[in-house]
């Protein structure tokens, strides 16, 4: 009989990185399922669109750092989104050797439709928490994320050079 992963005995179920990973996958999967059929977007593609929609134009390197995804996954997502006409490469006025990625009009329209669905799902997930519990959860997650990035030698702009 298959038991849920969090009820299986052993060390893995209580291992924080495992708990964070399976929780992230469950939440991302729930949100993705709600818009996959309608918009045809996979999780990495939506993450790229979400960051560009929130932050505006950015280089692929900055996008990789902002999504905290592997650069190969970001590259694949960018390629798919470009082919679909949802993002475009535009000149980088700050560096003529590189370009910036930006949502197209169609990409902005999809972003505007998906965000309310994602926010509604977030509200459903958080409905069982008191406001102060939600605030503590968000603070703790931000602290863990920042600590993990520092331990890995990353800054907000990407891996530290040295």
N, C-alpha and C. Protein backbone atom coordinates (compact mmCIF):
# COMPACT_ATOMS: atom_id res chain seq x y z
N UNK A 1 0.84 -1.18 0.00
CA UNK A 1 0.00 0.00 0.00
C UNK A 1 0.88 1.24 0.00
N UNK A 2 0.56 2.21 -0.85
CA UNK A 2 1.35 3.44 -0.93
C UNK A 2 0.82 4.45 0.07
N UNK A 3 1.70 4.92 0.94
CA UNK A 3 1.34 5.94 1.91
C UNK A 3 1.84 7.28 1.39
N UNK A 4 1.18 8.40 1.76
CA UNK A 4 1.70 9.72 1.39
C UNK A 4 3.12 9.88 1.92
N UNK A 5 3.92 10.64 1.20
CA UNK A 5 5.33 10.80 1.54
C UNK A 5 5.53 11.33 2.95
N UNK A 6 4.61 12.19 3.44
CA UNK A 6 4.83 12.75 4.75
C UNK A 6 4.47 11.80 5.89
N UNK A 7 3.90 10.64 5.58
CA UNK A 7 3.59 9.68 6.63
C UNK A 7 4.54 8.50 6.61
N UNK A 8 5.39 8.42 5.62
CA UNK A 8 6.35 7.33 5.53
C UNK A 8 7.41 7.53 6.60
N UNK A 9 7.77 6.47 7.31
CA UNK A 9 8.79 6.56 8.35
C UNK A 9 10.15 6.83 7.75
N UNK A 10 11.10 7.14 8.60
CA UNK A 10 12.46 7.38 8.13
C UNK A 10 12.84 8.84 8.24
N UNK A 11 14.07 9.09 7.83
CA UNK A 11 14.64 10.42 8.00
C UNK A 11 14.18 11.41 6.94
N UNK A 12 13.85 10.94 5.75
CA UNK A 12 13.53 11.85 4.66
C UNK A 12 12.31 12.72 4.95
N UNK A 13 11.27 12.15 5.52
CA UNK A 13 10.03 12.90 5.76
C UNK A 13 10.26 14.11 6.66
N UNK A 14 11.23 14.05 7.56
CA UNK A 14 11.51 15.16 8.46
C UNK A 14 12.64 16.05 8.01
N UNK A 15 13.21 15.80 6.84
CA UNK A 15 14.34 16.55 6.31
C UNK A 15 13.82 17.84 5.67
N UNK A 16 14.20 19.00 6.22
CA UNK A 16 13.65 20.28 5.77
C UNK A 16 13.77 20.51 4.26
N UNK A 17 14.92 20.30 3.64
CA UNK A 17 14.98 20.52 2.18
C UNK A 17 13.96 19.66 1.42
N UNK A 18 13.75 18.44 1.87
CA UNK A 18 12.75 17.57 1.25
C UNK A 18 11.35 18.15 1.45
N UNK A 19 11.04 18.57 2.68
CA UNK A 19 9.73 19.14 2.96
C UNK A 19 9.47 20.38 2.12
N UNK A 20 10.46 21.25 2.00
CA UNK A 20 10.30 22.45 1.19
C UNK A 20 10.10 22.10 -0.28
N UNK A 21 10.87 21.14 -0.77
CA UNK A 21 10.77 20.75 -2.18
C UNK A 21 9.41 20.16 -2.52
N UNK A 22 8.94 19.22 -1.71
CA UNK A 22 7.65 18.60 -2.03
C UNK A 22 6.51 19.59 -1.83
N UNK A 23 6.64 20.49 -0.87
CA UNK A 23 5.61 21.51 -0.69
C UNK A 23 5.59 22.45 -1.89
N UNK A 24 6.76 22.89 -2.30
CA UNK A 24 6.85 23.77 -3.48
C UNK A 24 6.28 23.09 -4.71
N UNK A 25 6.63 21.83 -4.90
CA UNK A 25 6.12 21.10 -6.07
C UNK A 25 4.60 20.94 -6.01
N UNK A 26 4.07 20.67 -4.82
CA UNK A 26 2.62 20.51 -4.68
C UNK A 26 1.89 21.82 -4.97
N UNK A 27 2.40 22.92 -4.42
CA UNK A 27 1.76 24.22 -4.64
C UNK A 27 1.90 24.64 -6.10
N UNK A 28 3.10 24.53 -6.66
CA UNK A 28 3.31 24.89 -8.07
C UNK A 28 2.45 24.02 -8.98
N UNK A 29 2.38 22.74 -8.68
CA UNK A 29 1.57 21.84 -9.49
C UNK A 29 0.10 22.19 -9.45
N UNK A 30 -0.40 22.56 -8.27
CA UNK A 30 -1.80 22.97 -8.14
C UNK A 30 -2.09 24.20 -8.99
N UNK A 31 -1.25 25.22 -8.86
CA UNK A 31 -1.46 26.45 -9.63
C UNK A 31 -1.31 26.16 -11.12
N UNK A 32 -0.26 25.41 -11.48
CA UNK A 32 -0.02 25.12 -12.90
C UNK A 32 -1.17 24.35 -13.53
N UNK A 33 -1.73 23.41 -12.81
CA UNK A 33 -2.84 22.62 -13.35
C UNK A 33 -4.03 23.50 -13.67
N UNK A 34 -4.20 24.53 -12.87
CA UNK A 34 -5.35 25.42 -13.06
C UNK A 34 -5.21 26.29 -14.30
N UNK A 35 -3.99 26.52 -14.78
CA UNK A 35 -3.88 27.31 -16.00
C UNK A 35 -3.21 26.60 -17.16
N UNK A 36 -2.74 25.39 -16.95
CA UNK A 36 -2.07 24.65 -18.02
C UNK A 36 -3.00 24.41 -19.20
N UNK A 37 -4.18 23.92 -18.93
CA UNK A 37 -5.12 23.61 -20.00
C UNK A 37 -5.55 24.86 -20.76
N UNK A 38 -5.80 25.92 -20.03
CA UNK A 38 -6.30 27.15 -20.66
C UNK A 38 -5.22 27.90 -21.43
N UNK A 39 -4.00 27.96 -20.89
CA UNK A 39 -2.96 28.78 -21.49
C UNK A 39 -1.81 27.98 -22.10
N UNK A 40 -1.75 26.68 -21.83
CA UNK A 40 -0.68 25.85 -22.39
C UNK A 40 0.70 26.19 -21.85
N UNK A 41 0.78 26.60 -20.59
CA UNK A 41 2.05 26.98 -19.99
C UNK A 41 2.49 25.95 -18.96
N UNK A 42 3.76 25.60 -19.02
CA UNK A 42 4.35 24.74 -18.00
C UNK A 42 4.90 25.64 -16.89
N UNK A 43 5.24 25.05 -15.76
CA UNK A 43 5.69 25.82 -14.60
C UNK A 43 6.88 26.73 -14.92
N UNK A 44 7.96 26.25 -15.55
CA UNK A 44 9.08 27.16 -15.83
C UNK A 44 8.67 28.32 -16.74
N UNK A 45 7.81 28.06 -17.71
CA UNK A 45 7.37 29.12 -18.62
C UNK A 45 6.56 30.17 -17.85
N UNK A 46 5.68 29.69 -16.96
CA UNK A 46 4.90 30.65 -16.20
C UNK A 46 5.79 31.45 -15.25
N UNK A 47 6.78 30.83 -14.64
CA UNK A 47 7.67 31.55 -13.72
C UNK A 47 8.40 32.67 -14.47
N UNK A 48 8.87 32.37 -15.68
CA UNK A 48 9.54 33.39 -16.49
C UNK A 48 8.57 34.54 -16.78
N UNK A 49 7.36 34.19 -17.20
CA UNK A 49 6.37 35.23 -17.50
C UNK A 49 6.01 36.04 -16.25
N UNK A 50 5.87 35.37 -15.12
CA UNK A 50 5.49 36.05 -13.88
C UNK A 50 6.56 37.06 -13.48
N UNK A 51 7.83 36.66 -13.56
CA UNK A 51 8.92 37.57 -13.19
C UNK A 51 8.99 38.74 -14.16
N UNK A 52 8.89 38.47 -15.45
CA UNK A 52 8.92 39.57 -16.42
C UNK A 52 7.71 40.49 -16.25
N UNK A 53 6.57 39.90 -15.92
CA UNK A 53 5.37 40.70 -15.71
C UNK A 53 5.48 41.60 -14.48
N UNK A 54 6.16 41.12 -13.45
CA UNK A 54 6.32 41.90 -12.23
C UNK A 54 7.49 42.88 -12.31
N UNK A 55 8.58 42.44 -12.93
CA UNK A 55 9.82 43.21 -12.90
C UNK A 55 10.08 44.01 -14.16
N UNK A 56 9.43 43.66 -15.24
CA UNK A 56 9.71 44.33 -16.51
C UNK A 56 10.88 43.67 -17.22
N UNK A 57 11.43 44.38 -18.16
CA UNK A 57 12.52 43.86 -18.99
C UNK A 57 13.73 43.49 -18.16
N UNK A 58 14.38 42.38 -18.55
CA UNK A 58 15.62 41.99 -17.88
C UNK A 58 16.43 41.06 -18.77
N UNK A 59 17.71 40.95 -18.48
CA UNK A 59 18.57 40.03 -19.22
C UNK A 59 18.22 38.60 -18.81
N UNK A 60 18.64 37.66 -19.64
CA UNK A 60 18.38 36.26 -19.31
C UNK A 60 19.14 35.87 -18.04
N UNK A 61 20.31 36.41 -17.85
CA UNK A 61 21.09 36.11 -16.65
C UNK A 61 20.35 36.61 -15.40
N UNK A 62 19.81 37.82 -15.46
CA UNK A 62 19.05 38.36 -14.32
C UNK A 62 17.77 37.56 -14.11
N UNK A 63 17.17 37.12 -15.20
CA UNK A 63 15.95 36.31 -15.11
C UNK A 63 16.24 34.97 -14.44
N UNK A 64 17.38 34.37 -14.76
CA UNK A 64 17.79 33.11 -14.13
C UNK A 64 17.95 33.31 -12.63
N UNK A 65 18.59 34.42 -12.23
CA UNK A 65 18.77 34.70 -10.81
C UNK A 65 17.43 34.97 -10.13
N UNK A 66 16.56 35.71 -10.78
CA UNK A 66 15.28 36.08 -10.17
C UNK A 66 14.35 34.89 -10.00
N UNK A 67 14.40 33.93 -10.93
CA UNK A 67 13.53 32.76 -10.84
C UNK A 67 14.15 31.66 -9.98
N UNK A 68 15.44 31.77 -9.68
CA UNK A 68 16.21 30.77 -8.96
C UNK A 68 16.00 29.40 -9.63
N UNK A 69 16.04 29.44 -10.97
CA UNK A 69 15.94 28.21 -11.76
C UNK A 69 17.26 27.98 -12.47
N UNK A 70 17.51 26.77 -12.85
CA UNK A 70 18.68 26.41 -13.63
C UNK A 70 18.66 27.18 -14.95
N UNK A 71 19.86 27.62 -15.40
CA UNK A 71 19.89 28.42 -16.63
C UNK A 71 19.41 27.64 -17.85
N UNK A 72 19.57 26.32 -17.85
CA UNK A 72 19.07 25.51 -18.97
C UNK A 72 17.54 25.53 -18.98
N UNK A 73 16.91 25.43 -17.80
CA UNK A 73 15.45 25.48 -17.72
C UNK A 73 14.93 26.84 -18.16
N UNK A 74 15.62 27.90 -17.76
CA UNK A 74 15.21 29.25 -18.17
C UNK A 74 15.37 29.39 -19.67
N UNK A 75 16.48 28.90 -20.21
CA UNK A 75 16.72 28.99 -21.65
C UNK A 75 15.62 28.27 -22.44
N UNK A 76 15.25 27.08 -21.98
CA UNK A 76 14.17 26.33 -22.65
C UNK A 76 12.85 27.09 -22.58
N UNK A 77 12.53 27.60 -21.40
CA UNK A 77 11.27 28.34 -21.22
C UNK A 77 11.26 29.58 -22.10
N UNK A 78 12.37 30.30 -22.15
CA UNK A 78 12.46 31.51 -22.99
C UNK A 78 12.25 31.14 -24.45
N UNK A 79 12.86 30.06 -24.89
CA UNK A 79 12.73 29.63 -26.28
C UNK A 79 11.26 29.34 -26.63
N UNK A 80 10.58 28.58 -25.76
CA UNK A 80 9.18 28.25 -25.98
C UNK A 80 8.33 29.51 -26.02
N UNK A 81 8.56 30.41 -25.07
CA UNK A 81 7.76 31.63 -24.98
C UNK A 81 8.02 32.55 -26.18
N UNK A 82 9.26 32.59 -26.65
CA UNK A 82 9.56 33.38 -27.86
C UNK A 82 8.85 32.79 -29.07
N UNK A 83 8.91 31.46 -29.20
CA UNK A 83 8.26 30.80 -30.34
C UNK A 83 6.75 31.04 -30.33
N UNK A 84 6.17 31.15 -29.16
CA UNK A 84 4.72 31.40 -29.03
C UNK A 84 4.38 32.88 -29.15
N UNK A 85 5.40 33.73 -29.21
CA UNK A 85 5.16 35.16 -29.31
C UNK A 85 4.74 35.83 -28.02
N UNK A 86 5.09 35.20 -26.88
CA UNK A 86 4.69 35.75 -25.58
C UNK A 86 5.77 36.62 -24.96
N UNK A 87 7.02 36.41 -25.37
CA UNK A 87 8.11 37.30 -24.97
C UNK A 87 8.94 37.61 -26.20
N UNK A 88 9.69 38.69 -26.12
CA UNK A 88 10.54 39.11 -27.24
C UNK A 88 11.86 39.64 -26.68
N UNK A 89 12.86 39.58 -27.52
CA UNK A 89 14.16 40.16 -27.19
C UNK A 89 14.16 41.60 -27.71
N UNK A 90 14.60 42.50 -26.83
CA UNK A 90 14.67 43.91 -27.22
C UNK A 90 16.08 44.41 -26.92
N UNK A 91 16.53 45.45 -27.63
CA UNK A 91 17.89 45.96 -27.38
C UNK A 91 18.06 46.41 -25.93
N UNK A 92 19.28 46.22 -25.44
CA UNK A 92 19.63 46.63 -24.08
C UNK A 92 20.36 47.96 -24.17
N UNK A 93 19.70 49.06 -23.80
CA UNK A 93 20.37 50.36 -23.92
C UNK A 93 21.59 50.49 -23.02
N UNK A 94 21.66 49.69 -21.95
CA UNK A 94 22.79 49.75 -21.03
C UNK A 94 23.98 48.92 -21.47
N UNK A 95 23.79 48.01 -22.43
CA UNK A 95 24.87 47.13 -22.89
C UNK A 95 24.53 46.65 -24.29
N UNK A 96 25.16 47.24 -25.28
CA UNK A 96 24.88 46.92 -26.67
C UNK A 96 25.20 45.49 -27.06
N UNK A 97 25.96 44.79 -26.21
CA UNK A 97 26.31 43.40 -26.54
C UNK A 97 25.25 42.41 -26.10
N UNK A 98 24.31 42.85 -25.29
CA UNK A 98 23.28 41.94 -24.80
C UNK A 98 21.90 42.48 -25.17
N UNK A 99 20.90 41.72 -24.83
CA UNK A 99 19.51 42.12 -25.07
C UNK A 99 18.71 41.90 -23.79
N UNK A 100 17.54 42.45 -23.78
CA UNK A 100 16.62 42.26 -22.67
C UNK A 100 15.44 41.42 -23.14
N UNK A 101 14.84 40.69 -22.22
CA UNK A 101 13.64 39.93 -22.51
C UNK A 101 12.46 40.70 -21.95
N UNK A 102 11.36 40.72 -22.69
CA UNK A 102 10.18 41.45 -22.26
C UNK A 102 8.93 40.72 -22.73
N UNK A 103 7.86 40.85 -21.97
CA UNK A 103 6.57 40.30 -22.41
C UNK A 103 6.08 41.09 -23.62
N UNK A 104 5.50 40.38 -24.57
CA UNK A 104 4.83 41.04 -25.69
C UNK A 104 3.44 41.45 -25.23
N UNK A 105 2.69 42.09 -26.09
CA UNK A 105 1.31 42.43 -25.75
C UNK A 105 0.49 41.21 -25.40
N UNK A 106 0.67 40.14 -26.19
CA UNK A 106 -0.05 38.89 -25.91
C UNK A 106 0.41 38.28 -24.58
N UNK A 107 1.71 38.36 -24.32
CA UNK A 107 2.24 37.87 -23.05
C UNK A 107 1.69 38.64 -21.87
N UNK A 108 1.60 39.96 -22.01
CA UNK A 108 1.03 40.79 -20.95
C UNK A 108 -0.44 40.45 -20.70
N UNK A 109 -1.17 40.17 -21.78
CA UNK A 109 -2.60 39.81 -21.64
C UNK A 109 -2.76 38.50 -20.88
N UNK A 110 -1.93 37.51 -21.21
CA UNK A 110 -1.99 36.23 -20.50
C UNK A 110 -1.59 36.42 -19.04
N UNK A 111 -0.53 37.17 -18.81
CA UNK A 111 -0.09 37.45 -17.44
C UNK A 111 -1.23 38.08 -16.65
N UNK A 112 -1.94 39.02 -17.24
CA UNK A 112 -3.05 39.69 -16.56
C UNK A 112 -4.20 38.74 -16.26
N UNK A 113 -4.39 37.70 -17.08
CA UNK A 113 -5.44 36.71 -16.83
C UNK A 113 -5.03 35.68 -15.80
N UNK A 114 -3.76 35.27 -15.83
CA UNK A 114 -3.31 34.19 -14.96
C UNK A 114 -3.10 34.67 -13.52
N UNK A 115 -2.63 35.87 -13.33
CA UNK A 115 -2.33 36.34 -11.97
C UNK A 115 -3.54 36.26 -11.04
N UNK A 116 -4.73 36.66 -11.46
CA UNK A 116 -5.87 36.51 -10.54
C UNK A 116 -6.14 35.04 -10.18
N UNK A 117 -5.93 34.12 -11.13
CA UNK A 117 -6.10 32.70 -10.82
C UNK A 117 -5.07 32.23 -9.81
N UNK A 118 -3.83 32.67 -9.99
CA UNK A 118 -2.77 32.29 -9.06
C UNK A 118 -3.03 32.89 -7.67
N UNK A 119 -3.47 34.14 -7.62
CA UNK A 119 -3.76 34.78 -6.34
C UNK A 119 -4.93 34.11 -5.63
N UNK A 120 -5.94 33.69 -6.39
CA UNK A 120 -7.09 33.00 -5.79
C UNK A 120 -6.63 31.67 -5.19
N UNK A 121 -5.75 30.96 -5.87
CA UNK A 121 -5.23 29.70 -5.35
C UNK A 121 -4.40 29.96 -4.09
N UNK A 122 -3.60 31.01 -4.11
CA UNK A 122 -2.83 31.39 -2.93
C UNK A 122 -3.76 31.65 -1.75
N UNK A 123 -4.85 32.37 -1.99
CA UNK A 123 -5.80 32.66 -0.91
C UNK A 123 -6.42 31.38 -0.37
N UNK A 124 -6.73 30.43 -1.25
CA UNK A 124 -7.27 29.14 -0.79
C UNK A 124 -6.26 28.41 0.09
N UNK A 125 -5.00 28.42 -0.32
CA UNK A 125 -3.96 27.73 0.45
C UNK A 125 -3.77 28.37 1.82
N UNK A 126 -3.85 29.68 1.89
CA UNK A 126 -3.59 30.40 3.13
C UNK A 126 -4.82 30.55 4.01
N UNK A 127 -5.98 30.12 3.52
CA UNK A 127 -7.24 30.32 4.25
C UNK A 127 -7.23 29.67 5.63
N UNK A 128 -6.44 28.65 5.83
CA UNK A 128 -6.38 27.98 7.13
C UNK A 128 -5.46 28.65 8.13
N UNK A 129 -4.78 29.71 7.71
CA UNK A 129 -3.85 30.39 8.61
C UNK A 129 -4.43 31.72 9.08
N UNK A 130 -4.13 32.07 10.32
CA UNK A 130 -4.46 33.40 10.82
C UNK A 130 -3.51 34.39 10.14
N UNK A 131 -3.89 35.66 10.01
CA UNK A 131 -3.01 36.65 9.36
C UNK A 131 -1.61 36.70 9.96
N UNK A 132 -1.50 36.59 11.29
CA UNK A 132 -0.17 36.64 11.89
C UNK A 132 0.64 35.38 11.56
N UNK A 133 -0.03 34.24 11.40
CA UNK A 133 0.67 33.01 10.99
C UNK A 133 1.19 33.15 9.56
N UNK A 134 0.37 33.73 8.70
CA UNK A 134 0.81 33.96 7.32
C UNK A 134 2.03 34.87 7.29
N UNK A 135 2.00 35.93 8.09
CA UNK A 135 3.14 36.86 8.13
C UNK A 135 4.40 36.15 8.61
N UNK A 136 4.27 35.31 9.62
CA UNK A 136 5.43 34.55 10.13
C UNK A 136 5.93 33.59 9.06
N UNK A 137 5.01 32.89 8.40
CA UNK A 137 5.40 31.96 7.33
C UNK A 137 6.20 32.69 6.25
N UNK A 138 5.69 33.81 5.79
CA UNK A 138 6.37 34.57 4.73
C UNK A 138 7.75 35.05 5.19
N UNK A 139 7.83 35.51 6.43
CA UNK A 139 9.12 35.98 6.97
C UNK A 139 10.12 34.84 7.07
N UNK A 140 9.66 33.70 7.56
CA UNK A 140 10.55 32.53 7.69
C UNK A 140 11.03 32.04 6.33
N UNK A 141 10.12 31.97 5.36
CA UNK A 141 10.51 31.53 4.01
C UNK A 141 11.53 32.48 3.39
N UNK A 142 11.30 33.78 3.54
CA UNK A 142 12.24 34.77 2.99
C UNK A 142 13.61 34.62 3.66
N UNK A 143 13.61 34.40 4.96
CA UNK A 143 14.87 34.20 5.67
C UNK A 143 15.61 32.96 5.21
N UNK A 144 14.89 31.85 5.07
CA UNK A 144 15.52 30.61 4.60
C UNK A 144 16.06 30.77 3.18
N UNK A 145 15.27 31.41 2.31
CA UNK A 145 15.71 31.62 0.92
C UNK A 145 16.98 32.47 0.89
N UNK A 146 16.98 33.56 1.63
CA UNK A 146 18.16 34.42 1.66
C UNK A 146 19.38 33.71 2.20
N UNK A 147 19.20 32.95 3.26
CA UNK A 147 20.32 32.21 3.85
C UNK A 147 20.86 31.17 2.87
N UNK A 148 19.95 30.45 2.21
CA UNK A 148 20.38 29.44 1.23
C UNK A 148 21.16 30.09 0.09
N UNK A 149 20.69 31.23 -0.39
CA UNK A 149 21.40 31.91 -1.48
C UNK A 149 22.78 32.39 -1.02
N UNK A 150 22.86 32.93 0.20
CA UNK A 150 24.16 33.36 0.71
C UNK A 150 25.11 32.18 0.87
N UNK A 151 24.61 31.07 1.40
CA UNK A 151 25.46 29.89 1.56
C UNK A 151 25.93 29.34 0.22
N UNK A 152 25.13 29.50 -0.80
CA UNK A 152 25.50 29.04 -2.14
C UNK A 152 26.38 30.05 -2.87
N UNK A 153 26.63 31.21 -2.24
CA UNK A 153 27.48 32.21 -2.87
C UNK A 153 26.79 33.02 -3.95
N UNK A 154 25.47 33.19 -3.83
CA UNK A 154 24.71 33.95 -4.81
C UNK A 154 24.29 35.29 -4.23
N UNK A 155 24.16 36.24 -5.13
CA UNK A 155 23.56 37.53 -4.79
C UNK A 155 22.27 37.62 -5.59
N UNK A 156 21.54 38.68 -5.45
CA UNK A 156 20.32 38.86 -6.23
C UNK A 156 20.63 38.92 -7.73
N UNK A 157 21.83 39.34 -8.10
CA UNK A 157 22.20 39.45 -9.51
C UNK A 157 22.71 38.14 -10.09
N UNK A 158 22.96 37.15 -9.26
CA UNK A 158 23.46 35.86 -9.75
C UNK A 158 24.66 35.42 -8.94
N UNK A 159 25.34 34.35 -9.40
CA UNK A 159 26.50 33.85 -8.66
C UNK A 159 27.55 34.92 -8.48
N UNK A 160 28.16 34.98 -7.30
CA UNK A 160 29.24 35.94 -7.07
C UNK A 160 30.44 35.56 -7.90
N UNK A 161 31.11 36.56 -8.40
CA UNK A 161 32.31 36.33 -9.19
C UNK A 161 33.51 36.36 -8.25
N UNK A 162 34.46 35.52 -8.49
CA UNK A 162 35.61 35.61 -7.60
C UNK A 162 36.43 34.47 -7.76
